[in-house]
């Protein structure tokens, strides 16, 4: 079985703790992770740190023609989630991944991107408190991570590690998750 391929788009104002944790843990699991900036050059995150993506989103979308992504993960943060939501390429991307049977995942404020794209209709989901209010989504506040079919959502920066580990388990199985989690010296 070939390694799964995951796309993580970064927009100005993304939440560093979420994005970097997810990228790091997925790569520890030896998942192919493509980090794509909505624009070229350095991306300023929500805490004013600068980050470089592997490539621009247009190039990442071209690569999907040869090797489709099995998952797209949207980090939260503001205005990062709003910037993702206002980019029509992101809506097109998540619809394509969902239509191809892949996973769409979002954390913190980013589940509203999935909701606005219609991908949370009839689903259970979680997010940063208040983000999904009025969206018609069945909100699950007591869970750090909610998986409903091929849609995965999480609450915020404090749940980023749980979220990333769940994504690893979904893509590679419980053994891979355990291997990565054990190497973190993390209390279960």
C-alpha atoms as a PDB file:
ATOM      1  CA  UNK A   1       0.000   0.000   0.000  1.00  0.00           C
ATOM      2  CA  UNK A   2       1.382   3.421  -0.915  1.00  0.00           C
ATOM      3  CA  UNK A   3       1.644   6.122   1.698  1.00  0.00           C
ATOM      4  CA  UNK A   4      -1.390   8.388   1.880  1.00  0.00           C
ATOM      5  CA  UNK A   5      -1.055  11.951   0.688  1.00  0.00           C
ATOM      6  CA  UNK A   6      -2.394  14.885   2.729  1.00  0.00           C
ATOM      7  CA  UNK A   7      -2.719  18.535   1.730  1.00  0.00           C
ATOM      8  CA  UNK A   8      -2.579  21.226   4.413  1.00  0.00           C
ATOM      9  CA  UNK A   9      -3.296  24.699   3.030  1.00  0.00           C
ATOM     10  CA  UNK A  10      -1.987  27.671   5.004  1.00  0.00           C
ATOM     11  CA  UNK A  11      -3.584  31.115   4.833  1.00  0.00           C
ATOM     12  CA  UNK A  12      -2.445  34.376   6.406  1.00  0.00           C
ATOM     13  CA  UNK A  13      -3.500  34.263  10.059  1.00  0.00           C
ATOM     14  CA  UNK A  14      -3.439  30.469  10.517  1.00  0.00           C
ATOM     15  CA  UNK A  15      -3.016  29.094  14.049  1.00  0.00           C
ATOM     16  CA  UNK A  16       0.638  28.002  14.340  1.00  0.00           C
ATOM     17  CA  UNK A  17       0.165  25.524  17.160  1.00  0.00           C
ATOM     18  CA  UNK A  18      -2.471  23.621  15.199  1.00  0.00           C
ATOM     19  CA  UNK A  19      -0.778  23.619  11.795  1.00  0.00           C
ATOM     20  CA  UNK A  20       2.742  22.783  12.987  1.00  0.00           C
ATOM     21  CA  UNK A  21       1.520  20.042  15.349  1.00  0.00           C
ATOM     22  CA  UNK A  22      -0.495  18.397  12.576  1.00  0.00           C
ATOM     23  CA  UNK A  23       2.314  18.664  10.007  1.00  0.00           C
ATOM     24  CA  UNK A  24       4.887  17.328  12.480  1.00  0.00           C
ATOM     25  CA  UNK A  25       2.878  14.335  13.678  1.00  0.00           C
ATOM     26  CA  UNK A  26       1.698  13.275  10.217  1.00  0.00           C
ATOM     27  CA  UNK A  27       5.284  13.414   8.956  1.00  0.00           C
ATOM     28  CA  UNK A  28       6.456  11.391  11.967  1.00  0.00           C
ATOM     29  CA  UNK A  29       3.980   8.744  10.773  1.00  0.00           C
ATOM     30  CA  UNK A  30       5.664   8.938   7.339  1.00  0.00           C
ATOM     31  CA  UNK A  31       2.558  10.292   5.667  1.00  0.00           C
ATOM     32  CA  UNK A  32       3.246  12.409   2.588  1.00  0.00           C
ATOM     33  CA  UNK A  33       2.280  15.921   3.687  1.00  0.00           C
ATOM     34  CA  UNK A  34       2.121  18.800   1.229  1.00  0.00           C
ATOM     35  CA  UNK A  35       1.938  22.215   2.893  1.00  0.00           C
ATOM     36  CA  UNK A  36       0.606  24.795   0.445  1.00  0.00           C
ATOM     37  CA  UNK A  37       0.352  28.537   0.890  1.00  0.00           C
ATOM     38  CA  UNK A  38      -2.655  30.328  -0.552  1.00  0.00           C
ATOM     39  CA  UNK A  39      -0.136  32.798  -1.938  1.00  0.00           C
ATOM     40  CA  UNK A  40       3.580  32.627  -2.730  1.00  0.00           C
ATOM     41  CA  UNK A  41       6.195  33.586  -0.143  1.00  0.00           C
ATOM     42  CA  UNK A  42       6.225  33.715   3.628  1.00  0.00           C
ATOM     43  CA  UNK A  43       2.905  33.345   5.439  1.00  0.00           C
ATOM     44  CA  UNK A  44       2.303  35.350   8.613  1.00  0.00           C
ATOM     45  CA  UNK A  45       0.484  33.240  11.201  1.00  0.00           C
ATOM     46  CA  UNK A  46      -1.911  34.364  13.934  1.00  0.00           C
ATOM     47  CA  UNK A  47       0.866  34.923  16.495  1.00  0.00           C
ATOM     48  CA  UNK A  48       2.924  36.949  14.021  1.00  0.00           C
ATOM     49  CA  UNK A  49       5.421  34.185  13.174  1.00  0.00           C
ATOM     50  CA  UNK A  50       6.508  33.714   9.550  1.00  0.00           C
ATOM     51  CA  UNK A  51       6.352  30.324   7.829  1.00  0.00           C
ATOM     52  CA  UNK A  52       7.285  28.973   4.423  1.00  0.00           C
ATOM     53  CA  UNK A  53       5.042  26.450   2.717  1.00  0.00           C
ATOM     54  CA  UNK A  54       6.386  23.632   0.543  1.00  0.00           C
ATOM     55  CA  UNK A  55       4.706  25.267  -2.461  1.00  0.00           C
ATOM     56  CA  UNK A  56       1.814  27.455  -3.535  1.00  0.00           C
ATOM     57  CA  UNK A  57      -1.719  26.100  -3.610  1.00  0.00           C
ATOM     58  CA  UNK A  58      -1.934  26.181  -7.414  1.00  0.00           C
ATOM     59  CA  UNK A  59       1.136  23.926  -7.690  1.00  0.00           C
ATOM     60  CA  UNK A  60      -0.241  21.595  -4.998  1.00  0.00           C
ATOM     61  CA  UNK A  61      -3.507  21.319  -6.918  1.00  0.00           C
ATOM     62  CA  UNK A  62      -1.598  20.483 -10.111  1.00  0.00           C
ATOM     63  CA  UNK A  63       0.234  17.701  -8.246  1.00  0.00           C
ATOM     64  CA  UNK A  64      -3.142  16.257  -7.270  1.00  0.00           C
ATOM     65  CA  UNK A  65      -3.656  15.354 -10.942  1.00  0.00           C
ATOM     66  CA  UNK A  66      -0.869  12.729 -10.653  1.00  0.00           C
ATOM     67  CA  UNK A  67      -1.361  11.747  -7.007  1.00  0.00           C
ATOM     68  CA  UNK A  68      -4.734  12.636  -5.468  1.00  0.00           C
ATOM     69  CA  UNK A  69      -4.874  13.653  -1.825  1.00  0.00           C
ATOM     70  CA  UNK A  70      -6.600  11.212   0.510  1.00  0.00           C
ATOM     71  CA  UNK A  71      -7.139  13.996   3.030  1.00  0.00           C
ATOM     72  CA  UNK A  72      -7.202  17.776   3.245  1.00  0.00           C
ATOM     73  CA  UNK A  73      -6.654  19.324   6.683  1.00  0.00           C
ATOM     74  CA  UNK A  74      -7.669  22.909   7.400  1.00  0.00           C
ATOM     75  CA  UNK A  75      -5.918  24.586  10.352  1.00  0.00           C
ATOM     76  CA  UNK A  76      -7.897  27.174  12.256  1.00  0.00           C
ATOM     77  CA  UNK A  77      -6.947  30.537  13.630  1.00  0.00           C
ATOM     78  CA  UNK A  78      -8.274  33.925  12.690  1.00  0.00           C
ATOM     79  CA  UNK A  79      -8.215  35.421  10.223  1.00  0.00           C
ATOM     80  CA  UNK A  80      -6.707  32.218   8.738  1.00  0.00           C
ATOM     81  CA  UNK A  81      -9.969  30.253   8.670  1.00  0.00           C
ATOM     82  CA  UNK A  82     -11.782  33.240   7.125  1.00  0.00           C
ATOM     83  CA  UNK A  83      -9.063  33.510   4.480  1.00  0.00           C
ATOM     84  CA  UNK A  84      -9.426  29.798   3.658  1.00  0.00           C
ATOM     85  CA  UNK A  85     -13.196  30.201   3.510  1.00  0.00           C
ATOM     86  CA  UNK A  86     -13.045  33.130   1.091  1.00  0.00           C
ATOM     87  CA  UNK A  87     -10.756  31.298  -1.363  1.00  0.00           C
ATOM     88  CA  UNK A  88     -12.873  29.462  -3.986  1.00  0.00           C
ATOM     89  CA  UNK A  89      -9.983  27.041  -4.628  1.00  0.00           C
ATOM     90  CA  UNK A  90     -10.391  25.699  -1.082  1.00  0.00           C
ATOM     91  CA  UNK A  91     -14.119  25.022  -1.515  1.00  0.00           C
ATOM     92  CA  UNK A  92     -13.455  23.317  -4.849  1.00  0.00           C
ATOM     93  CA  UNK A  93     -10.628  21.270  -3.288  1.00  0.00           C
ATOM     94  CA  UNK A  94     -12.602  20.001  -0.304  1.00  0.00           C
ATOM     95  CA  UNK A  95     -15.552  19.100  -2.533  1.00  0.00           C
ATOM     96  CA  UNK A  96     -13.237  17.163  -4.872  1.00  0.00           C
ATOM     97  CA  UNK A  97     -11.530  15.287  -2.011  1.00  0.00           C
ATOM     98  CA  UNK A  98     -14.930  14.429  -0.480  1.00  0.00           C
ATOM     99  CA  UNK A  99     -16.337  13.309  -3.856  1.00  0.00           C
ATOM    100  CA  UNK A 100     -13.297  11.059  -4.348  1.00  0.00           C
ATOM    101  CA  UNK A 101     -13.953   9.360  -0.986  1.00  0.00           C
ATOM    102  CA  UNK A 102     -11.199  11.169   0.909  1.00  0.00           C
ATOM    103  CA  UNK A 103     -11.254  12.789   4.317  1.00  0.00           C
ATOM    104  CA  UNK A 104     -11.944  16.461   4.990  1.00  0.00           C
ATOM    105  CA  UNK A 105     -10.628  17.599   8.350  1.00  0.00           C
ATOM    106  CA  UNK A 106     -10.728  20.946  10.143  1.00  0.00           C
ATOM    107  CA  UNK A 107      -9.818  22.281  13.566  1.00  0.00           C
ATOM    108  CA  UNK A 108     -10.727  25.338  15.667  1.00  0.00           C
ATOM    109  CA  UNK A 109     -12.397  28.000  13.473  1.00  0.00           C
ATOM    110  CA  UNK A 110     -11.861  26.035  10.234  1.00  0.00           C
ATOM    111  CA  UNK A 111     -14.900  23.718  10.585  1.00  0.00           C
ATOM    112  CA  UNK A 112     -16.936  26.731   9.442  1.00  0.00           C
ATOM    113  CA  UNK A 113     -15.239  26.318   6.043  1.00  0.00           C
ATOM    114  CA  UNK A 114     -16.635  22.781   5.864  1.00  0.00           C
ATOM    115  CA  UNK A 115     -20.043  24.036   7.044  1.00  0.00           C
ATOM    116  CA  UNK A 116     -20.149  26.872   4.516  1.00  0.00           C
ATOM    117  CA  UNK A 117     -19.205  24.405   1.778  1.00  0.00           C
ATOM    118  CA  UNK A 118     -22.145  22.177   2.784  1.00  0.00           C
ATOM    119  CA  UNK A 119     -19.943  19.295   3.927  1.00  0.00           C
ATOM    120  CA  UNK A 120     -21.267  19.254   7.503  1.00  0.00           C
ATOM    121  CA  UNK A 121     -24.922  18.890   6.541  1.00  0.00           C
ATOM    122  CA  UNK A 122     -26.411  16.065   8.607  1.00  0.00           C
ATOM    123  CA  UNK A 123     -23.061  15.522  10.379  1.00  0.00           C
ATOM    124  CA  UNK A 124     -21.892  15.700  13.953  1.00  0.00           C
ATOM    125  CA  UNK A 125     -18.956  18.079  14.414  1.00  0.00           C
ATOM    126  CA  UNK A 126     -17.025  20.176  16.884  1.00  0.00           C
ATOM    127  CA  UNK A 127     -15.099  23.429  16.678  1.00  0.00           C
ATOM    128  CA  UNK A 128     -13.812  26.324  18.699  1.00  0.00           C
ATOM    129  CA  UNK A 129     -16.754  27.418  20.913  1.00  0.00           C
ATOM    130  CA  UNK A 130     -19.303  29.443  18.978  1.00  0.00           C
ATOM    131  CA  UNK A 131     -17.858  28.905  15.500  1.00  0.00           C
ATOM    132  CA  UNK A 132     -20.599  26.536  14.325  1.00  0.00           C
ATOM    133  CA  UNK A 133     -23.477  28.207  16.200  1.00  0.00           C
ATOM    134  CA  UNK A 134     -26.423  28.753  13.869  1.00  0.00           C
ATOM    135  CA  UNK A 135     -24.960  26.502  11.167  1.00  0.00           C
ATOM    136  CA  UNK A 136     -27.513  23.724  11.624  1.00  0.00           C
ATOM    137  CA  UNK A 137     -24.730  21.256  12.432  1.00  0.00           C
ATOM    138  CA  UNK A 138     -25.104  18.852  15.360  1.00  0.00           C
ATOM    139  CA  UNK A 139     -22.399  20.326  17.603  1.00  0.00           C
ATOM    140  CA  UNK A 140     -20.554  17.993  19.977  1.00  0.00           C
ATOM    141  CA  UNK A 141     -18.864  20.126  22.622  1.00  0.00           C
ATOM    142  CA  UNK A 142     -17.673  17.405  24.985  1.00  0.00           C
ATOM    143  CA  UNK A 143     -15.324  15.702  22.502  1.00  0.00           C
ATOM    144  CA  UNK A 144     -11.828  16.881  21.530  1.00  0.00           C
ATOM    145  CA  UNK A 145     -12.191  15.225  18.117  1.00  0.00           C
ATOM    146  CA  UNK A 146     -15.342  14.179  16.263  1.00  0.00           C
ATOM    147  CA  UNK A 147     -15.276  11.747  13.345  1.00  0.00           C
ATOM    148  CA  UNK A 148     -18.461  11.435  11.322  1.00  0.00           C
ATOM    149  CA  UNK A 149     -17.871   9.327   8.255  1.00  0.00           C
ATOM    150  CA  UNK A 150     -15.069  10.968   6.295  1.00  0.00           C
ATOM    151  CA  UNK A 151     -15.360  14.317   8.095  1.00  0.00           C
ATOM    152  CA  UNK A 152     -13.080  15.008  11.068  1.00  0.00           C
ATOM    153  CA  UNK A 153     -13.306  18.089  13.286  1.00  0.00           C
ATOM    154  CA  UNK A 154     -11.568  19.273  16.443  1.00  0.00           C
ATOM    155  CA  UNK A 155     -11.904  22.047  19.028  1.00  0.00           C
ATOM    156  CA  UNK A 156      -8.728  24.160  19.023  1.00  0.00           C
ATOM    157  CA  UNK A 157      -5.027  24.518  19.804  1.00  0.00           C
ATOM    158  CA  UNK A 158      -5.287  22.400  22.959  1.00  0.00           C
ATOM    159  CA  UNK A 159      -6.707  19.477  20.987  1.00  0.00           C
ATOM    160  CA  UNK A 160      -4.260  19.638  18.053  1.00  0.00           C
ATOM    161  CA  UNK A 161      -2.227  16.634  19.183  1.00  0.00           C
ATOM    162  CA  UNK A 162      -5.337  14.472  19.705  1.00  0.00           C
ATOM    163  CA  UNK A 163      -6.601  15.601  16.296  1.00  0.00           C
ATOM    164  CA  UNK A 164      -3.336  14.755  14.525  1.00  0.00           C
ATOM    165  CA  UNK A 165      -3.137  11.341  16.194  1.00  0.00           C
ATOM    166  CA  UNK A 166      -6.720  10.578  15.133  1.00  0.00           C
ATOM    167  CA  UNK A 167      -5.846  11.540  11.547  1.00  0.00           C
ATOM    168  CA  UNK A 168      -2.884   9.138  11.644  1.00  0.00           C
ATOM    169  CA  UNK A 169      -5.127   6.338  12.894  1.00  0.00           C
ATOM    170  CA  UNK A 170      -7.693   6.990  10.177  1.00  0.00           C
ATOM    171  CA  UNK A 171      -5.060   6.919   7.432  1.00  0.00           C
ATOM    172  CA  UNK A 172      -2.670   4.224   8.692  1.00  0.00           C
ATOM    173  CA  UNK A 173      -4.345   2.373  11.573  1.00  0.00           C
ATOM    174  CA  UNK A 174      -4.048   2.121  15.344  1.00  0.00           C
ATOM    175  CA  UNK A 175      -0.537   0.644  15.280  1.00  0.00           C
ATOM    176  CA  UNK A 176       0.886   3.682  13.471  1.00  0.00           C
ATOM    177  CA  UNK A 177      -0.900   6.008  15.875  1.00  0.00           C
ATOM    178  CA  UNK A 178       0.483   4.105  18.852  1.00  0.00           C
ATOM    179  CA  UNK A 179       4.021   4.192  17.422  1.00  0.00           C
ATOM    180  CA  UNK A 180       3.910   7.966  16.940  1.00  0.00           C
ATOM    181  CA  UNK A 181       2.198   8.633  20.263  1.00  0.00           C
ATOM    182  CA  UNK A 182       4.643   6.455  22.168  1.00  0.00           C
ATOM    183  CA  UNK A 183       7.615   8.353  20.699  1.00  0.00           C
ATOM    184  CA  UNK A 184       6.118  11.615  22.041  1.00  0.00           C
ATOM    185  CA  UNK A 185       6.412  10.381  25.666  1.00  0.00           C
ATOM    186  CA  UNK A 186       2.833  11.482  26.130  1.00  0.00           C
ATOM    187  CA  UNK A 187       0.600  10.329  28.956  1.00  0.00           C
ATOM    188  CA  UNK A 188      -2.340   8.391  27.486  1.00  0.00           C
END
